[in-house]
């Protein structure tokens, strides 16, 4: 896949997240969808591998870095570097996996949660903390109802507008979730930049 060299880009910050439109072109979005469709999805889990549909009801597939998807990781890496240098200035090491997610049945959701895990029972594969989360919206909002992306700020919900191709970026310790789907299918790609513990 050839990287786009002249994307139409716009970005903005809306506490507690930033968003960027146009980083991925329409041909790139379609290529990502085709790539993700080739791998079977499984039920999403919480707490290191537990299925709990009251908390998380979605289907996912995990994708490690390989020759076929390297261009996707490269584009995410370039965007992450820019957003981090512009807004966050976190000490990041990078990433080597992304998650494709489908909310495709009535009631599919993910209750408010943090992407960053802390405490004594953190799984071994998450011992290097997630520090910056990026969510790429693949579905056009006309394809589904419900499924709002929300952040909790001071206990109050803040809804993030979703658009096809929009990337939402936020610190991984920010509480966020996806409200229940009522019709259609919501598809996204989530990737987490990791780094040394905060200090």
Foldseek 3Di string as FASTA:
>chain_A
DDQDDDWDKDKDDDPPWIKMAGLADPVRLVLVVVVQVVDDWDFDAPDPRHHDQVAAGKTKDKDFDDPSCVVVQVSVVVVCVVCCVVPPVDAFDGFGMKMKIKQFDFFGKHHWDFQWDDDDRDDPVCPQTFFKKKKAWADAPVQFPAFWKWWQDPNRTDTDDDGHGMIMMHTRGTIIMTGGTHHGMTIMMMTTTTHHDDD
